[in-house]
């Protein structure tokens, strides 16, 4: 695995910030991103937004007071969950972290670690779902209406096995306040891979996503009204497994301040999501690249 001290310099991909500053900044970013994006901030695995954070705490008990990373990135992802066509979207990447207490992020939201130890981290955050526009795909979603953006309350927990077996297990659950009013949750794990060093680090791991009836029906179901407006038959989506997949995250330190990242995720829709009439492809892939400056 190389020298464990490389975690000191591991990118906090979706790290934190002071709340007043971020509330203003995140609102501006959301306004910029909302017209282009069809769904949640990213279909990457949830652990990919925070890969390395708990591992840093394990190997480096004393973390810096501030960690700030600003940059630009681009993401290639399906036009909507279950789409067969892809789109590329550029956008800002802003990651700031204050000690081991508060965080904010375009991916993780605004939150705090309620408690954090070497092996365990538990916290809560406010994040967001940008919903889905029926105009993102000219045919498949026509007549299905808009799923409006909505804030979400999220709780999460990380548990890292040990220094000798640095596998981090992450669980999170999110409740939408508006839009679908549903619940969605992820269970995943990741670990650093051989070849990681002070200059280059990479991680990989699986994730399973679950959602309740309300969330699944909003994104994958067809109501009686929608069936009358489209050529789709009525379809009642049930809760349970939504998808399962694998993610890989890579970080390269050009120098102590310039960081390049590459992330990829591949998953398969399951259950009601896979069987939905609007699902063109059960297999979904996402790639993101970013260049950041670390202050």
Foldseek 3Di string as FASTA:
>chain_A
DEDLQLLLLDDQQFWFDDDVVVVVVVVVQCVVCLVPAFKFLDPAALCQNGPSPLSCCQVPVWHDQKKWKKWKKKKWWALAQQHPDIDIDIGIWIWMYGTQFWGAGLRPATWTFPDHHNFKTKIKHKYKMSWGALPSDPALSPLLHTQHIFIKIKIKMWGADHPVRGKIWMKMKIATDGRLRWIKIKTKIKDWDPPDYSFKTKMKIKMWMWIAQSVCCSRFFADPSSVVRHVDDGGRAGTTTFKMWMKMKMWGHPDSFKIKIKIKIKMFTDGSSNVGPSRPGRIIMMMMIIIMTID
